[in-house]
């Protein structure tokens, strides 16, 4: 099969653009995942028995010794 040189150049350029777009997509998704992990890491996990909201609870937060 004999292809025209201009057509070969167009196909090569199209493939290069596809590879660049795929790399950009991968870089963007990776940075989004990294940012999400960083945000999740900043949030401190709730200590068991401690309220996680901003309203005061009715129960004391300190452990009371058994009598």
PDB file of N, CA and C in Angstrom:
ATOM      1  N   UNK A   1       0.847  -1.171   0.000  1.00  0.00           N
ATOM      2  CA  UNK A   1       0.000   0.000   0.000  1.00  0.00           C
ATOM      3  C   UNK A   1       0.896   1.239   0.000  1.00  0.00           C
ATOM      4  N   UNK A   2       0.682   2.091  -0.931  1.00  0.00           N
ATOM      5  CA  UNK A   2       1.486   3.301  -1.080  1.00  0.00           C
ATOM      6  C   UNK A   2       0.662   4.491  -0.590  1.00  0.00           C
ATOM      7  N   UNK A   3       1.149   5.161   0.462  1.00  0.00           N
ATOM      8  CA  UNK A   3       0.414   6.299   1.021  1.00  0.00           C
ATOM      9  C   UNK A   3       1.115   7.595   0.637  1.00  0.00           C
ATOM     10  N   UNK A   4       0.328   8.599   0.538  1.00  0.00           N
ATOM     11  CA  UNK A   4       0.860   9.924   0.202  1.00  0.00           C
ATOM     12  C   UNK A   4       1.626  10.464   1.397  1.00  0.00           C
ATOM     13  N   UNK A   5       2.769  11.108   1.192  1.00  0.00           N
ATOM     14  CA  UNK A   5       3.565  11.622   2.320  1.00  0.00           C
ATOM     15  C   UNK A   5       2.822  12.626   3.196  1.00  0.00           C
ATOM     16  N   UNK A   6       1.961  13.431   2.602  1.00  0.00           N
ATOM     17  CA  UNK A   6       1.205  14.415   3.377  1.00  0.00           C
ATOM     18  C   UNK A   6       0.230  13.696   4.305  1.00  0.00           C
ATOM     19  N   UNK A   7      -0.372  12.619   3.806  1.00  0.00           N
ATOM     20  CA  UNK A   7      -1.305  11.859   4.630  1.00  0.00           C
ATOM     21  C   UNK A   7      -0.567  11.192   5.795  1.00  0.00           C
ATOM     22  N   UNK A   8       0.619  10.660   5.537  1.00  0.00           N
ATOM     23  CA  UNK A   8       1.419  10.070   6.604  1.00  0.00           C
ATOM     24  C   UNK A   8       1.766  11.114   7.665  1.00  0.00           C
ATOM     25  N   UNK A   9       2.113  12.311   7.229  1.00  0.00           N
ATOM     26  CA  UNK A   9       2.445  13.383   8.169  1.00  0.00           C
ATOM     27  C   UNK A   9       1.215  13.775   8.988  1.00  0.00           C
ATOM     28  N   UNK A  10       0.033  13.809   8.366  1.00  0.00           N
ATOM     29  CA  UNK A  10      -1.188  14.147   9.087  1.00  0.00           C
ATOM     30  C   UNK A  10      -1.496  13.072  10.141  1.00  0.00           C
ATOM     31  N   UNK A  11      -1.333  11.804   9.779  1.00  0.00           N
ATOM     32  CA  UNK A  11      -1.578  10.727  10.739  1.00  0.00           C
ATOM     33  C   UNK A  11      -0.594  10.774  11.909  1.00  0.00           C
ATOM     34  N   UNK A  12       0.668  11.066  11.609  1.00  0.00           N
ATOM     35  CA  UNK A  12       1.673  11.153  12.669  1.00  0.00           C
ATOM     36  C   UNK A  12       1.368  12.314  13.608  1.00  0.00           C
ATOM     37  N   UNK A  13       0.963  13.447  13.051  1.00  0.00           N
ATOM     38  CA  UNK A  13       0.621  14.612  13.880  1.00  0.00           C
ATOM     39  C   UNK A  13      -0.609  14.337  14.730  1.00  0.00           C
ATOM     40  N   UNK A  14      -1.591  13.652  14.159  1.00  0.00           N
ATOM     41  CA  UNK A  14      -2.798  13.326  14.911  1.00  0.00           C
ATOM     42  C   UNK A  14      -2.464  12.392  16.076  1.00  0.00           C
ATOM     43  N   UNK A  15      -1.634  11.399  15.817  1.00  0.00           N
ATOM     44  CA  UNK A  15      -1.247  10.467  16.884  1.00  0.00           C
ATOM     45  C   UNK A  15      -0.482  11.192  17.982  1.00  0.00           C
ATOM     46  N   UNK A  16       0.388  12.105  17.598  1.00  0.00           N
ATOM     47  CA  UNK A  16       1.152  12.867  18.588  1.00  0.00           C
ATOM     48  C   UNK A  16       0.214  13.719  19.451  1.00  0.00           C
ATOM     49  N   UNK A  17      -0.789  14.341  18.827  1.00  0.00           N
ATOM     50  CA  UNK A  17      -1.765  15.126  19.593  1.00  0.00           C
ATOM     51  C   UNK A  17      -2.551  14.239  20.557  1.00  0.00           C
ATOM     52  N   UNK A  18      -2.898  13.010  20.108  1.00  0.00           N
ATOM     53  CA  UNK A  18      -3.601  12.085  20.988  1.00  0.00           C
ATOM     54  C   UNK A  18      -2.749  11.701  22.187  1.00  0.00           C
ATOM     55  N   UNK A  19      -1.465  11.439  21.952  1.00  0.00           N
ATOM     56  CA  UNK A  19      -0.563  11.077  23.049  1.00  0.00           C
ATOM     57  C   UNK A  19      -0.402  12.229  24.038  1.00  0.00           C
ATOM     58  N   UNK A  20      -0.304  13.446  23.519  1.00  0.00           N
ATOM     59  CA  UNK A  20      -0.168  14.617  24.387  1.00  0.00           C
ATOM     60  C   UNK A  20      -1.435  14.808  25.217  1.00  0.00           C
ATOM     61  N   UNK A  21      -2.611  14.645  24.588  1.00  0.00           N
ATOM     62  CA  UNK A  21      -3.879  14.791  25.307  1.00  0.00           C
ATOM     63  C   UNK A  21      -4.005  13.720  26.394  1.00  0.00           C
ATOM     64  N   UNK A  22      -3.579  12.500  26.088  1.00  0.00           N
ATOM     65  CA  UNK A  22      -3.644  11.428  27.079  1.00  0.00           C
ATOM     66  C   UNK A  22      -2.712  11.710  28.258  1.00  0.00           C
ATOM     67  N   UNK A  23      -1.524  12.221  27.978  1.00  0.00           N
ATOM     68  CA  UNK A  23      -0.586  12.566  29.046  1.00  0.00           C
ATOM     69  C   UNK A  23      -1.138  13.697  29.912  1.00  0.00           C
ATOM     70  N   UNK A  24      -1.765  14.684  29.282  1.00  0.00           N
ATOM     71  CA  UNK A  24      -2.372  15.789  30.039  1.00  0.00           C
ATOM     72  C   UNK A  24      -3.489  15.278  30.938  1.00  0.00           C
ATOM     73  N   UNK A  25      -4.314  14.387  30.396  1.00  0.00           N
ATOM     74  CA  UNK A  25      -5.402  13.809  31.174  1.00  0.00           C
ATOM     75  C   UNK A  25      -4.852  13.046  32.374  1.00  0.00           C
ATOM     76  N   UNK A  26      -3.826  12.264  32.138  1.00  0.00           N
ATOM     77  CA  UNK A  26      -3.218  11.484  33.222  1.00  0.00           C
ATOM     78  C   UNK A  26      -2.632  12.407  34.293  1.00  0.00           C
ATOM     79  N   UNK A  27      -1.941  13.460  33.867  1.00  0.00           N
ATOM     80  CA  UNK A  27      -1.343  14.409  34.812  1.00  0.00           C
ATOM     81  C   UNK A  27      -2.418  15.116  35.628  1.00  0.00           C
ATOM     82  N   UNK A  28      -3.509  15.504  34.978  1.00  0.00           N
ATOM     83  CA  UNK A  28      -4.593  16.195  35.667  1.00  0.00           C
ATOM     84  C   UNK A  28      -5.260  15.285  36.692  1.00  0.00           C
ATOM     85  N   UNK A  29      -5.535  14.033  36.309  1.00  0.00           N
ATOM     86  CA  UNK A  29      -6.162  13.103  37.245  1.00  0.00           C
ATOM     87  C   UNK A  29      -5.234  12.783  38.417  1.00  0.00           C
ATOM     88  N   UNK A  30      -3.945  12.652  38.140  1.00  0.00           N
ATOM     89  CA  UNK A  30      -2.988  12.372  39.212  1.00  0.00           C
ATOM     90  C   UNK A  30      -2.922  13.520  40.212  1.00  0.00           C
ATOM     91  N   UNK A  31      -2.902  14.747  39.703  1.00  0.00           N
ATOM     92  CA  UNK A  31      -2.842  15.894  40.614  1.00  0.00           C
ATOM     93  C   UNK A  31      -4.142  16.020  41.407  1.00  0.00           C
ATOM     94  N   UNK A  32      -5.276  15.683  40.796  1.00  0.00           N
ATOM     95  CA  UNK A  32      -6.549  15.731  41.519  1.00  0.00           C
ATOM     96  C   UNK A  32      -6.580  14.677  42.620  1.00  0.00           C
ATOM     97  N   UNK A  33      -6.079  13.459  42.311  1.00  0.00           N
ATOM     98  CA  UNK A  33      -6.027  12.418  43.342  1.00  0.00           C
ATOM     99  C   UNK A  33      -5.105  12.824  44.489  1.00  0.00           C
ATOM    100  N   UNK A  34      -3.967  13.406  44.146  1.00  0.00           N
ATOM    101  CA  UNK A  34      -3.017  13.833  45.174  1.00  0.00           C
ATOM    102  C   UNK A  34      -3.619  14.927  46.051  1.00  0.00           C
ATOM    103  N   UNK A  35      -4.324  15.868  45.449  1.00  0.00           N
ATOM    104  CA  UNK A  35      -4.966  16.938  46.219  1.00  0.00           C
ATOM    105  C   UNK A  35      -6.048  16.369  47.121  1.00  0.00           C
ATOM    106  N   UNK A  36      -6.780  15.386  46.605  1.00  0.00           N
ATOM    107  CA  UNK A  36      -7.834  14.774  47.420  1.00  0.00           C
ATOM    108  C   UNK A  36      -7.238  14.037  48.614  1.00  0.00           C
ATOM    109  N   UNK A  37      -6.135  13.308  48.374  1.00  0.00           N
ATOM    110  CA  UNK A  37      -5.470  12.622  49.487  1.00  0.00           C
ATOM    111  C   UNK A  37      -4.958  13.618  50.516  1.00  0.00           C
ATOM    112  N   UNK A  38      -4.451  14.750  50.057  1.00  0.00           N
ATOM    113  CA  UNK A  38      -3.940  15.770  50.974  1.00  0.00           C
ATOM    114  C   UNK A  38      -5.078  16.354  51.805  1.00  0.00           C
ATOM    115  N   UNK A  39      -6.229  16.587  51.166  1.00  0.00           N
ATOM    116  CA  UNK A  39      -7.378  17.111  51.908  1.00  0.00           C
ATOM    117  C   UNK A  39      -7.863  16.105  52.931  1.00  0.00           C
ATOM    118  N   UNK A  40      -7.918  14.840  52.554  1.00  0.00           N
ATOM    119  CA  UNK A  40      -8.375  13.816  53.493  1.00  0.00           C
ATOM    120  C   UNK A  40      -7.398  13.672  54.649  1.00  0.00           C
ATOM    121  N   UNK A  41      -6.114  13.822  54.391  1.00  0.00           N
ATOM    122  CA  UNK A  41      -5.107  13.692  55.429  1.00  0.00           C
ATOM    123  C   UNK A  41      -5.165  14.818  56.435  1.00  0.00           C
ATOM    124  N   UNK A  42      -5.586  16.003  55.981  1.00  0.00           N
ATOM    125  CA  UNK A  42      -5.672  17.156  56.889  1.00  0.00           C
ATOM    126  C   UNK A  42      -6.763  16.980  57.923  1.00  0.00           C
ATOM    127  N   UNK A  43      -7.854  16.363  57.523  1.00  0.00           N
ATOM    128  CA  UNK A  43      -8.975  16.196  58.439  1.00  0.00           C
ATOM    129  C   UNK A  43      -8.603  15.150  59.487  1.00  0.00           C
ATOM    130  N   UNK A  44      -8.684  15.533  60.726  1.00  0.00           N
ATOM    131  CA  UNK A  44      -8.386  14.594  61.803  1.00  0.00           C
ATOM    132  C   UNK A  44      -9.573  13.664  61.981  1.00  0.00           C
ATOM    133  N   UNK A  45      -9.276  12.428  62.155  1.00  0.00           N
ATOM    134  CA  UNK A  45     -10.355  11.478  62.390  1.00  0.00           C
ATOM    135  C   UNK A  45     -10.941  11.701  63.763  1.00  0.00           C
ATOM    136  N   UNK A  46     -12.226  11.448  63.892  1.00  0.00           N
ATOM    137  CA  UNK A  46     -12.912  11.657  65.162  1.00  0.00           C
ATOM    138  C   UNK A  46     -12.450  10.609  66.164  1.00  0.00           C
ATOM    139  N   UNK A  47     -12.148  11.059  67.354  1.00  0.00           N
ATOM    140  CA  UNK A  47     -11.775  10.155  68.416  1.00  0.00           C
ATOM    141  C   UNK A  47     -13.048   9.503  68.921  1.00  0.00           C
ATOM    142  N   UNK A  48     -12.973   8.225  69.195  1.00  0.00           N
ATOM    143  CA  UNK A  48     -14.172   7.513  69.617  1.00  0.00           C
ATOM    144  C   UNK A  48     -14.723   8.131  70.899  1.00  0.00           C
ATOM    145  N   UNK A  49     -15.998   8.425  70.901  1.00  0.00           N
ATOM    146  CA  UNK A  49     -16.633   9.024  72.058  1.00  0.00           C
ATOM    147  C   UNK A  49     -16.617  10.545  72.019  1.00  0.00           C
ATOM    148  N   UNK A  50     -15.908  11.126  71.088  1.00  0.00           N
ATOM    149  CA  UNK A  50     -15.866  12.583  70.969  1.00  0.00           C
ATOM    150  C   UNK A  50     -16.859  13.010  69.895  1.00  0.00           C
ATOM    151  N   UNK A  51     -17.582  14.074  70.126  1.00  0.00           N
ATOM    152  CA  UNK A  51     -18.497  14.540  69.094  1.00  0.00           C
ATOM    153  C   UNK A  51     -17.710  15.094  67.909  1.00  0.00           C
ATOM    154  N   UNK A  52     -18.237  14.889  66.709  1.00  0.00           N
ATOM    155  CA  UNK A  52     -17.546  15.380  65.518  1.00  0.00           C
ATOM    156  C   UNK A  52     -18.156  16.666  64.993  1.00  0.00           C
ATOM    157  N   UNK A  53     -19.359  17.017  65.441  1.00  0.00           N
ATOM    158  CA  UNK A  53     -20.026  18.217  64.952  1.00  0.00           C
ATOM    159  C   UNK A  53     -19.644  19.443  65.754  1.00  0.00           C
ATOM    160  N   UNK A  54     -20.326  20.543  65.487  1.00  0.00           N
ATOM    161  CA  UNK A  54     -20.035  21.780  66.198  1.00  0.00           C
ATOM    162  C   UNK A  54     -21.040  22.041  67.320  1.00  0.00           C
ATOM    163  N   UNK A  55     -21.983  21.127  67.548  1.00  0.00           N
ATOM    164  CA  UNK A  55     -22.935  21.286  68.642  1.00  0.00           C
ATOM    165  C   UNK A  55     -22.407  20.576  69.883  1.00  0.00           C
ATOM    166  N   UNK A  56     -22.645  21.157  71.045  1.00  0.00           N
ATOM    167  CA  UNK A  56     -22.188  20.545  72.291  1.00  0.00           C
ATOM    168  C   UNK A  56     -23.058  19.341  72.606  1.00  0.00           C
ATOM    169  N   UNK A  57     -22.437  18.277  73.041  1.00  0.00           N
ATOM    170  CA  UNK A  57     -23.205  17.088  73.377  1.00  0.00           C
ATOM    171  C   UNK A  57     -23.647  17.143  74.832  1.00  0.00           C
ATOM    172  N   UNK A  58     -24.613  16.302  75.154  1.00  0.00           N
ATOM    173  CA  UNK A  58     -25.111  16.253  76.520  1.00  0.00           C
ATOM    174  C   UNK A  58     -24.220  15.374  77.385  1.00  0.00           C
ATOM    175  N   UNK A  59     -23.493  14.448  76.799  1.00  0.00           N
ATOM    176  CA  UNK A  59     -22.641  13.536  77.551  1.00  0.00           C
ATOM    177  C   UNK A  59     -21.283  14.180  77.800  1.00  0.00           C
ATOM    178  N   UNK A  60     -20.688  13.857  78.957  1.00  0.00           N
ATOM    179  CA  UNK A  60     -19.325  14.355  79.177  1.00  0.00           C
ATOM    180  C   UNK A  60     -18.360  13.638  78.252  1.00  0.00           C
ATOM    181  N   UNK A  61     -17.325  14.343  77.820  1.00  0.00           N
ATOM    182  CA  UNK A  61     -16.397  13.734  76.868  1.00  0.00           C
ATOM    183  C   UNK A  61     -15.297  12.940  77.585  1.00  0.00           C
ATOM    184  N   UNK A  62     -15.102  13.176  78.865  1.00  0.00           N
ATOM    185  CA  UNK A  62     -14.076  12.453  79.623  1.00  0.00           C
ATOM    186  C   UNK A  62     -14.667  11.162  80.151  1.00  0.00           C
ATOM    187  N   UNK A  63     -13.845  10.128  80.218  1.00  0.00           N
ATOM    188  CA  UNK A  63     -14.297   8.849  80.745  1.00  0.00           C
ATOM    189  C   UNK A  63     -14.452   8.953  82.269  1.00  0.00           C
ATOM    190  N   UNK A  64     -15.549   8.437  82.765  1.00  0.00           N
ATOM    191  CA  UNK A  64     -15.820   8.469  84.203  1.00  0.00           C
ATOM    192  C   UNK A  64     -15.477   7.099  84.758  1.00  0.00           C
ATOM    193  N   UNK A  65     -14.679   7.034  85.845  1.00  0.00           N
ATOM    194  CA  UNK A  65     -14.325   5.719  86.400  1.00  0.00           C
ATOM    195  C   UNK A  65     -15.559   5.020  86.988  1.00  0.00           C
ATOM    196  N   UNK A  66     -15.551   3.716  86.881  1.00  0.00           N
ATOM    197  CA  UNK A  66     -16.674   2.922  87.413  1.00  0.00           C
ATOM    198  C   UNK A  66     -16.632   2.942  88.913  1.00  0.00           C
ATOM    199  N   UNK A  67     -17.806   2.875  89.560  1.00  0.00           N
ATOM    200  CA  UNK A  67     -17.869   2.927  91.020  1.00  0.00           C
ATOM    201  C   UNK A  67     -18.074   1.571  91.605  1.00  0.00           C
TER     202      UNK A  67
END
